[in-house]
N, C-alpha and C. Protein backbone atom coordinates (compact mmCIF):
# COMPACT_ATOMS: atom_id res chain seq x y z
N MET A 1 0.82 -1.20 0.00
CA MET A 1 0.00 0.00 0.00
C MET A 1 0.87 1.27 0.00
N ALA A 2 1.92 1.27 0.83
CA ALA A 2 2.81 2.43 0.90
C ALA A 2 3.54 2.62 -0.43
N LEU A 3 3.91 1.50 -1.07
CA LEU A 3 4.59 1.58 -2.36
C LEU A 3 3.68 2.19 -3.41
N ARG A 4 2.41 1.80 -3.41
CA ARG A 4 1.44 2.36 -4.36
C ARG A 4 1.26 3.87 -4.13
N ALA A 5 1.15 4.28 -2.87
CA ALA A 5 0.99 5.70 -2.54
C ALA A 5 2.22 6.50 -3.01
N ALA A 6 3.43 5.94 -2.82
CA ALA A 6 4.64 6.62 -3.25
C ALA A 6 4.67 6.74 -4.77
N PHE A 7 4.25 5.67 -5.46
CA PHE A 7 4.21 5.71 -6.94
C PHE A 7 3.23 6.76 -7.42
N LEU A 8 2.03 6.81 -6.82
CA LEU A 8 1.02 7.80 -7.22
C LEU A 8 1.50 9.22 -6.95
N ALA A 9 2.22 9.42 -5.86
CA ALA A 9 2.74 10.75 -5.54
C ALA A 9 3.83 11.16 -6.53
N ALA A 10 4.58 10.19 -7.04
CA ALA A 10 5.68 10.49 -7.96
C ALA A 10 5.22 10.65 -9.40
N LEU A 11 4.01 10.21 -9.73
CA LEU A 11 3.51 10.29 -11.11
C LEU A 11 3.58 11.69 -11.70
N PRO A 12 3.06 12.72 -11.00
CA PRO A 12 3.14 14.07 -11.60
C PRO A 12 4.58 14.51 -11.85
N LEU A 13 5.51 14.13 -10.98
CA LEU A 13 6.90 14.51 -11.16
C LEU A 13 7.49 13.82 -12.38
N MET A 14 7.13 12.53 -12.59
CA MET A 14 7.62 11.82 -13.76
C MET A 14 7.07 12.45 -15.03
N ALA A 15 5.80 12.86 -15.01
CA ALA A 15 5.20 13.48 -16.19
C ALA A 15 5.92 14.77 -16.54
N VAL A 16 6.29 15.54 -15.53
CA VAL A 16 7.03 16.78 -15.77
C VAL A 16 8.42 16.47 -16.31
N ALA A 17 9.07 15.44 -15.77
CA ALA A 17 10.42 15.10 -16.20
C ALA A 17 10.47 14.66 -17.66
N PHE A 18 9.42 14.00 -18.14
CA PHE A 18 9.41 13.50 -19.51
C PHE A 18 8.73 14.42 -20.50
N THR A 19 8.23 15.57 -20.05
CA THR A 19 7.60 16.52 -20.95
C THR A 19 8.68 17.39 -21.59
N ALA A 20 8.67 17.50 -22.90
CA ALA A 20 9.65 18.35 -23.59
C ALA A 20 9.19 19.79 -23.46
N ALA A 21 10.02 20.62 -22.90
CA ALA A 21 9.67 22.03 -22.72
C ALA A 21 10.61 22.88 -23.54
N PRO A 22 10.09 23.92 -24.18
CA PRO A 22 10.96 24.81 -24.94
C PRO A 22 11.86 25.61 -24.02
N ALA A 23 13.00 25.99 -24.53
CA ALA A 23 13.92 26.79 -23.73
C ALA A 23 13.48 28.24 -23.75
N HIS A 24 13.54 28.90 -22.61
CA HIS A 24 13.28 30.33 -22.54
C HIS A 24 14.06 30.90 -21.38
N ALA A 25 14.07 32.21 -21.26
CA ALA A 25 14.94 32.90 -20.31
C ALA A 25 14.79 32.39 -18.89
N GLU A 26 13.58 32.25 -18.41
CA GLU A 26 13.32 31.78 -17.07
C GLU A 26 12.21 30.76 -17.13
N PRO A 27 12.22 29.76 -16.25
CA PRO A 27 11.11 28.82 -16.28
C PRO A 27 9.82 29.53 -15.92
N PRO A 28 8.71 29.16 -16.56
CA PRO A 28 7.46 29.82 -16.24
C PRO A 28 7.04 29.54 -14.80
N ALA A 29 6.33 30.49 -14.21
CA ALA A 29 5.81 30.30 -12.87
C ALA A 29 4.78 29.18 -12.90
N GLN A 30 4.39 28.70 -11.76
CA GLN A 30 3.47 27.59 -11.70
C GLN A 30 2.18 27.88 -12.46
N GLY A 31 1.72 29.13 -12.46
CA GLY A 31 0.50 29.49 -13.17
C GLY A 31 0.78 30.01 -14.57
N GLY A 32 1.98 29.85 -15.09
CA GLY A 32 2.32 30.35 -16.42
C GLY A 32 3.41 31.39 -16.34
N ILE A 33 3.48 32.22 -17.36
CA ILE A 33 4.49 33.27 -17.44
C ILE A 33 3.95 34.51 -16.77
N GLU A 34 4.71 35.07 -15.84
CA GLU A 34 4.29 36.30 -15.18
C GLU A 34 5.02 37.47 -15.81
N VAL A 35 4.24 38.48 -16.22
CA VAL A 35 4.79 39.69 -16.82
C VAL A 35 4.26 40.88 -16.02
N ILE A 36 5.15 41.82 -15.73
CA ILE A 36 4.76 43.02 -15.00
C ILE A 36 4.19 44.03 -16.01
N LEU A 37 3.12 44.73 -15.62
CA LEU A 37 2.51 45.74 -16.48
C LEU A 37 3.56 46.72 -16.97
N ASN A 38 3.55 46.99 -18.28
CA ASN A 38 4.46 47.94 -18.93
C ASN A 38 5.93 47.52 -18.88
N GLN A 39 6.19 46.23 -18.67
CA GLN A 39 7.55 45.72 -18.73
C GLN A 39 7.63 44.59 -19.73
N ALA A 40 8.83 44.29 -20.17
CA ALA A 40 9.04 43.25 -21.18
C ALA A 40 9.66 42.01 -20.55
N ARG A 41 9.42 40.89 -21.19
CA ARG A 41 9.97 39.60 -20.76
C ARG A 41 10.42 38.87 -22.01
N ILE A 42 11.63 38.32 -22.00
CA ILE A 42 12.19 37.64 -23.17
C ILE A 42 11.92 36.14 -23.08
N LEU A 43 11.45 35.58 -24.20
CA LEU A 43 11.25 34.14 -24.32
C LEU A 43 12.17 33.61 -25.41
N LYS A 44 12.95 32.60 -25.10
CA LYS A 44 13.83 31.96 -26.09
C LYS A 44 13.17 30.65 -26.51
N MET A 45 13.00 30.47 -27.81
CA MET A 45 12.38 29.27 -28.36
C MET A 45 13.44 28.21 -28.66
N SER A 46 13.05 26.94 -28.56
CA SER A 46 13.98 25.85 -28.81
C SER A 46 14.26 25.66 -30.29
N ARG A 47 13.32 26.12 -31.14
CA ARG A 47 13.53 26.08 -32.59
C ARG A 47 12.87 27.31 -33.20
N PRO A 48 13.19 27.62 -34.45
CA PRO A 48 12.68 28.86 -35.06
C PRO A 48 11.16 28.93 -35.10
N ALA A 49 10.65 30.09 -34.73
CA ALA A 49 9.20 30.33 -34.72
C ALA A 49 8.78 30.97 -36.04
N ALA A 50 7.61 30.56 -36.54
CA ALA A 50 7.07 31.16 -37.76
C ALA A 50 5.83 31.98 -37.46
N THR A 51 5.04 31.55 -36.47
CA THR A 51 3.79 32.22 -36.13
C THR A 51 3.70 32.40 -34.62
N VAL A 52 3.31 33.60 -34.18
CA VAL A 52 3.09 33.87 -32.76
C VAL A 52 1.67 34.38 -32.60
N ILE A 53 0.91 33.74 -31.72
CA ILE A 53 -0.49 34.10 -31.49
C ILE A 53 -0.67 34.46 -30.02
N ILE A 54 -1.23 35.63 -29.77
CA ILE A 54 -1.58 36.05 -28.41
C ILE A 54 -3.10 36.00 -28.31
N GLY A 55 -3.61 35.32 -27.29
CA GLY A 55 -5.06 35.19 -27.13
C GLY A 55 -5.76 36.54 -27.05
N ASN A 56 -5.27 37.43 -26.21
CA ASN A 56 -5.87 38.76 -26.06
C ASN A 56 -4.75 39.80 -26.12
N PRO A 57 -4.54 40.41 -27.29
CA PRO A 57 -3.46 41.39 -27.42
C PRO A 57 -3.63 42.64 -26.56
N ALA A 58 -4.82 42.85 -26.00
CA ALA A 58 -5.00 43.99 -25.09
C ALA A 58 -4.32 43.72 -23.75
N VAL A 59 -4.10 42.45 -23.40
CA VAL A 59 -3.46 42.09 -22.13
C VAL A 59 -1.94 42.00 -22.29
N ALA A 60 -1.48 41.35 -23.36
CA ALA A 60 -0.04 41.21 -23.59
C ALA A 60 0.25 41.32 -25.08
N ASP A 61 1.43 41.82 -25.38
CA ASP A 61 1.85 41.98 -26.77
C ASP A 61 3.11 41.15 -26.97
N ALA A 62 3.26 40.57 -28.15
CA ALA A 62 4.46 39.80 -28.48
C ALA A 62 5.14 40.43 -29.68
N THR A 63 6.44 40.64 -29.56
CA THR A 63 7.25 41.14 -30.65
C THR A 63 8.30 40.09 -30.96
N VAL A 64 8.44 39.76 -32.24
CA VAL A 64 9.44 38.78 -32.65
C VAL A 64 10.75 39.52 -32.89
N HIS A 65 11.73 39.25 -32.03
CA HIS A 65 13.05 39.88 -32.17
C HIS A 65 13.85 39.18 -33.27
N ASP A 66 13.91 37.86 -33.21
CA ASP A 66 14.46 37.03 -34.27
C ASP A 66 13.72 35.70 -34.22
N ALA A 67 14.08 34.74 -35.04
CA ALA A 67 13.31 33.51 -35.15
C ALA A 67 13.24 32.72 -33.84
N ASN A 68 14.19 32.92 -32.95
CA ASN A 68 14.21 32.17 -31.69
C ASN A 68 13.96 33.04 -30.46
N THR A 69 13.71 34.33 -30.64
CA THR A 69 13.52 35.23 -29.50
C THR A 69 12.23 36.02 -29.65
N ILE A 70 11.37 35.92 -28.63
CA ILE A 70 10.11 36.67 -28.61
C ILE A 70 10.11 37.54 -27.36
N VAL A 71 9.68 38.78 -27.50
CA VAL A 71 9.62 39.70 -26.38
C VAL A 71 8.15 39.93 -26.03
N LEU A 72 7.75 39.57 -24.80
CA LEU A 72 6.39 39.80 -24.31
C LEU A 72 6.36 41.10 -23.54
N THR A 73 5.32 41.90 -23.74
CA THR A 73 5.14 43.13 -22.98
C THR A 73 3.75 43.13 -22.36
N GLY A 74 3.68 43.40 -21.06
CA GLY A 74 2.40 43.48 -20.36
C GLY A 74 1.68 44.76 -20.73
N GLN A 75 0.47 44.65 -21.29
CA GLN A 75 -0.30 45.82 -21.74
C GLN A 75 -1.39 46.23 -20.74
N ALA A 76 -2.02 45.23 -20.10
CA ALA A 76 -3.12 45.50 -19.15
C ALA A 76 -3.20 44.32 -18.19
N PHE A 77 -3.83 44.52 -17.07
CA PHE A 77 -3.95 43.45 -16.09
C PHE A 77 -4.84 42.35 -16.62
N GLY A 78 -4.49 41.12 -16.30
CA GLY A 78 -5.32 39.99 -16.70
C GLY A 78 -4.51 38.79 -17.11
N ARG A 79 -5.23 37.82 -17.69
CA ARG A 79 -4.60 36.59 -18.16
C ARG A 79 -4.96 36.37 -19.62
N THR A 80 -4.01 35.83 -20.34
CA THR A 80 -4.22 35.44 -21.72
C THR A 80 -3.27 34.29 -21.99
N ASN A 81 -3.07 33.94 -23.25
CA ASN A 81 -2.12 32.88 -23.56
C ASN A 81 -1.31 33.25 -24.79
N ILE A 82 -0.21 32.52 -24.96
CA ILE A 82 0.64 32.67 -26.13
C ILE A 82 0.83 31.29 -26.74
N VAL A 83 0.72 31.23 -28.08
CA VAL A 83 0.96 30.00 -28.82
C VAL A 83 1.98 30.35 -29.90
N VAL A 84 3.04 29.56 -29.98
CA VAL A 84 4.08 29.76 -30.98
C VAL A 84 4.15 28.50 -31.84
N LEU A 85 4.11 28.70 -33.16
CA LEU A 85 4.14 27.59 -34.11
C LEU A 85 5.39 27.68 -34.97
N ASP A 86 5.89 26.52 -35.39
CA ASP A 86 7.03 26.51 -36.31
C ASP A 86 6.56 26.64 -37.75
N GLN A 87 7.49 26.57 -38.70
CA GLN A 87 7.17 26.75 -40.12
C GLN A 87 6.13 25.74 -40.61
N GLY A 88 6.15 24.54 -40.06
CA GLY A 88 5.20 23.50 -40.47
C GLY A 88 3.87 23.56 -39.73
N GLY A 89 3.72 24.51 -38.82
CA GLY A 89 2.47 24.65 -38.06
C GLY A 89 2.43 23.83 -36.78
N ALA A 90 3.54 23.19 -36.44
CA ALA A 90 3.60 22.41 -35.19
C ALA A 90 3.85 23.35 -34.01
N PRO A 91 3.18 23.10 -32.88
CA PRO A 91 3.37 23.98 -31.72
C PRO A 91 4.76 23.83 -31.10
N ILE A 92 5.38 24.97 -30.84
CA ILE A 92 6.66 25.01 -30.15
C ILE A 92 6.42 25.36 -28.68
N PHE A 93 5.45 26.24 -28.46
CA PHE A 93 5.25 26.81 -27.12
C PHE A 93 3.78 27.14 -26.97
N ASP A 94 3.19 26.81 -25.83
CA ASP A 94 1.79 27.11 -25.53
C ASP A 94 1.70 27.32 -24.03
N GLU A 95 1.53 28.55 -23.61
CA GLU A 95 1.58 28.86 -22.18
C GLU A 95 0.64 29.99 -21.81
N GLN A 96 0.18 30.01 -20.57
CA GLN A 96 -0.63 31.09 -20.03
C GLN A 96 0.28 32.27 -19.67
N ILE A 97 -0.25 33.48 -19.82
CA ILE A 97 0.46 34.70 -19.45
C ILE A 97 -0.39 35.43 -18.42
N SER A 98 0.23 35.85 -17.34
CA SER A 98 -0.45 36.63 -16.31
C SER A 98 0.24 37.98 -16.20
N VAL A 99 -0.53 39.06 -16.40
CA VAL A 99 0.03 40.42 -16.31
C VAL A 99 -0.48 41.05 -15.01
N SER A 100 0.45 41.52 -14.20
CA SER A 100 0.09 42.12 -12.91
C SER A 100 1.00 43.31 -12.62
N ARG A 101 0.70 43.99 -11.55
CA ARG A 101 1.49 45.15 -11.13
C ARG A 101 2.67 44.66 -10.30
N ASP A 102 3.77 45.39 -10.33
CA ASP A 102 4.93 45.09 -9.49
C ASP A 102 4.55 45.36 -8.04
N GLN A 103 4.31 44.31 -7.29
CA GLN A 103 3.82 44.45 -5.92
C GLN A 103 4.89 44.92 -4.94
N LEU A 104 6.16 44.72 -5.26
CA LEU A 104 7.22 45.08 -4.33
C LEU A 104 7.39 46.58 -4.16
N ALA A 105 7.11 47.35 -5.19
CA ALA A 105 7.33 48.80 -5.13
C ALA A 105 6.01 49.56 -5.23
N THR A 106 4.91 48.92 -4.82
CA THR A 106 3.60 49.52 -4.97
C THR A 106 2.87 49.56 -3.63
N VAL A 107 2.18 50.67 -3.39
CA VAL A 107 1.33 50.81 -2.22
C VAL A 107 -0.07 51.17 -2.72
N ARG A 108 -1.09 50.51 -2.17
CA ARG A 108 -2.47 50.83 -2.56
C ARG A 108 -3.19 51.40 -1.34
N ILE A 109 -3.88 52.51 -1.54
CA ILE A 109 -4.64 53.17 -0.48
C ILE A 109 -6.11 53.05 -0.83
N TYR A 110 -6.89 52.49 0.08
CA TYR A 110 -8.32 52.28 -0.14
C TYR A 110 -9.10 53.29 0.70
N ARG A 111 -9.89 54.12 0.04
CA ARG A 111 -10.80 55.06 0.70
C ARG A 111 -12.18 54.78 0.15
N ARG A 112 -12.93 53.97 0.85
CA ARG A 112 -14.24 53.51 0.36
C ARG A 112 -14.10 52.92 -1.01
N SER A 113 -14.71 53.52 -2.03
CA SER A 113 -14.64 52.95 -3.36
C SER A 113 -13.46 53.47 -4.17
N ILE A 114 -12.72 54.41 -3.61
CA ILE A 114 -11.58 54.99 -4.33
C ILE A 114 -10.32 54.23 -3.95
N ILE A 115 -9.61 53.75 -4.96
CA ILE A 115 -8.34 53.06 -4.75
C ILE A 115 -7.25 53.90 -5.41
N GLU A 116 -6.29 54.32 -4.62
CA GLU A 116 -5.16 55.08 -5.15
C GLU A 116 -3.93 54.18 -5.12
N THR A 117 -3.25 54.07 -6.22
CA THR A 117 -2.06 53.24 -6.31
C THR A 117 -0.85 54.14 -6.43
N LEU A 118 0.13 53.90 -5.57
CA LEU A 118 1.36 54.67 -5.57
C LEU A 118 2.53 53.77 -5.94
N SER A 119 3.39 54.29 -6.79
CA SER A 119 4.62 53.60 -7.13
C SER A 119 5.70 54.17 -6.22
N CYS A 120 6.31 53.34 -5.41
CA CYS A 120 7.24 53.82 -4.38
C CYS A 120 8.66 53.34 -4.65
N ASP A 121 9.27 53.86 -5.69
CA ASP A 121 10.62 53.45 -6.02
C ASP A 121 11.40 54.62 -6.56
N PRO A 122 12.12 55.38 -5.84
CA PRO A 122 12.34 55.32 -4.40
C PRO A 122 11.32 56.14 -3.60
N TYR A 123 10.63 57.09 -4.24
CA TYR A 123 9.64 57.89 -3.54
C TYR A 123 8.26 57.53 -4.03
N CYS A 124 7.25 57.67 -3.17
CA CYS A 124 5.88 57.32 -3.55
C CYS A 124 5.25 58.42 -4.40
N GLU A 125 4.82 58.03 -5.59
CA GLU A 125 4.14 58.93 -6.53
C GLU A 125 2.99 58.17 -7.15
N SER A 126 2.02 58.90 -7.67
CA SER A 126 0.89 58.24 -8.32
C SER A 126 1.39 57.33 -9.42
N ALA A 127 0.87 56.11 -9.43
CA ALA A 127 1.27 55.13 -10.42
C ALA A 127 0.41 55.25 -11.67
N TYR A 128 0.92 54.77 -12.77
CA TYR A 128 0.16 54.72 -14.01
C TYR A 128 -1.08 53.85 -13.82
N GLN A 129 -2.21 54.31 -14.29
CA GLN A 129 -3.44 53.53 -14.25
C GLN A 129 -3.91 53.29 -15.67
N THR A 130 -4.29 52.06 -15.93
CA THR A 130 -4.82 51.74 -17.25
C THR A 130 -6.22 52.35 -17.36
N PRO A 131 -6.71 52.56 -18.57
CA PRO A 131 -8.09 53.05 -18.72
C PRO A 131 -9.11 52.15 -18.02
N ALA A 132 -8.87 50.86 -17.99
CA ALA A 132 -9.80 49.94 -17.31
C ALA A 132 -9.82 50.19 -15.81
N GLU A 133 -8.66 50.48 -15.21
CA GLU A 133 -8.61 50.79 -13.77
C GLU A 133 -9.37 52.07 -13.46
N ILE A 134 -9.18 53.08 -14.30
CA ILE A 134 -9.85 54.36 -14.11
C ILE A 134 -11.36 54.17 -14.19
N GLU A 135 -11.82 53.44 -15.19
CA GLU A 135 -13.26 53.20 -15.36
C GLU A 135 -13.81 52.36 -14.20
N SER A 136 -13.05 51.38 -13.74
CA SER A 136 -13.49 50.54 -12.62
C SER A 136 -13.67 51.38 -11.36
N THR A 137 -12.74 52.29 -11.09
CA THR A 137 -12.84 53.17 -9.92
C THR A 137 -14.07 54.06 -10.02
N ARG A 138 -14.31 54.62 -11.20
CA ARG A 138 -15.50 55.47 -11.39
C ARG A 138 -16.79 54.67 -11.17
N GLU A 139 -16.83 53.46 -11.69
CA GLU A 139 -18.04 52.64 -11.55
C GLU A 139 -18.28 52.25 -10.10
N ARG A 140 -17.21 51.89 -9.37
CA ARG A 140 -17.37 51.56 -7.94
C ARG A 140 -17.88 52.78 -7.18
N ALA A 141 -17.37 53.96 -7.47
CA ALA A 141 -17.82 55.19 -6.80
C ALA A 141 -19.29 55.45 -7.11
N ARG A 142 -19.71 55.23 -8.35
CA ARG A 142 -21.11 55.45 -8.75
C ARG A 142 -22.04 54.48 -8.00
N VAL A 143 -21.66 53.22 -7.94
CA VAL A 143 -22.49 52.22 -7.26
C VAL A 143 -22.54 52.49 -5.76
N ASN A 144 -21.40 52.83 -5.17
CA ASN A 144 -21.40 53.13 -3.73
C ASN A 144 -22.25 54.35 -3.41
N ALA A 145 -22.18 55.37 -4.26
CA ALA A 145 -23.00 56.57 -4.04
C ALA A 145 -24.48 56.21 -4.12
N MET A 146 -24.84 55.31 -5.04
CA MET A 146 -26.22 54.88 -5.18
C MET A 146 -26.69 54.17 -3.91
N PHE A 147 -25.85 53.30 -3.34
CA PHE A 147 -26.21 52.59 -2.12
C PHE A 147 -26.30 53.55 -0.93
N GLU A 148 -25.41 54.54 -0.88
CA GLU A 148 -25.45 55.51 0.21
C GLU A 148 -26.74 56.33 0.15
N GLU A 149 -27.17 56.72 -1.06
CA GLU A 149 -28.43 57.45 -1.21
C GLU A 149 -29.61 56.61 -0.73
N ASN A 150 -29.60 55.33 -1.08
CA ASN A 150 -30.69 54.43 -0.65
C ASN A 150 -30.67 54.23 0.85
N ALA A 151 -29.48 54.15 1.45
CA ALA A 151 -29.38 53.99 2.90
C ALA A 151 -29.89 55.24 3.61
N ASP A 152 -29.57 56.42 3.08
CA ASP A 152 -30.04 57.66 3.66
C ASP A 152 -31.57 57.77 3.55
N ALA A 153 -32.12 57.34 2.45
CA ALA A 153 -33.58 57.40 2.24
C ALA A 153 -34.30 56.46 3.20
N ASP A 154 -33.68 55.31 3.55
CA ASP A 154 -34.30 54.37 4.46
C ASP A 154 -34.35 54.90 5.89
N LEU A 155 -33.46 55.84 6.21
CA LEU A 155 -33.43 56.41 7.56
C LEU A 155 -34.62 57.33 7.81
N PHE A 156 -35.17 57.90 6.77
CA PHE A 156 -36.24 58.88 6.95
C PHE A 156 -37.57 58.32 6.64
């Protein structure tokens, strides 16, 4: 029984060991490739790429530097994927991309529905906000104001 449990526990590790993975600058994170908003990440392919497909180009952009080097740039927060095909149409690379903010140099201040993000490297200043962040903040403020009006009306 213990031998069977050890074998079952080792199965996922064996599957990873025998899976052919393309070479790239850094191994992908457990949830895929992590890219910081407005920063670039280099991917090295194991063989020449002919076609690069990004699931949602609004989230991440791919630029082909040469046949074996692709540069990913985080465009907006979210998740998408990248698929790279060779000249014959065979997949070289297929991975999830997660675009997020650099959490190490960022401070977020929450005032009810208003969220202010500061980039603190080395001094804290207002951070760049995507149009989606700006619209989300406005919508939260509108909904909260609506609830506050209804709460005030219930008091009288």
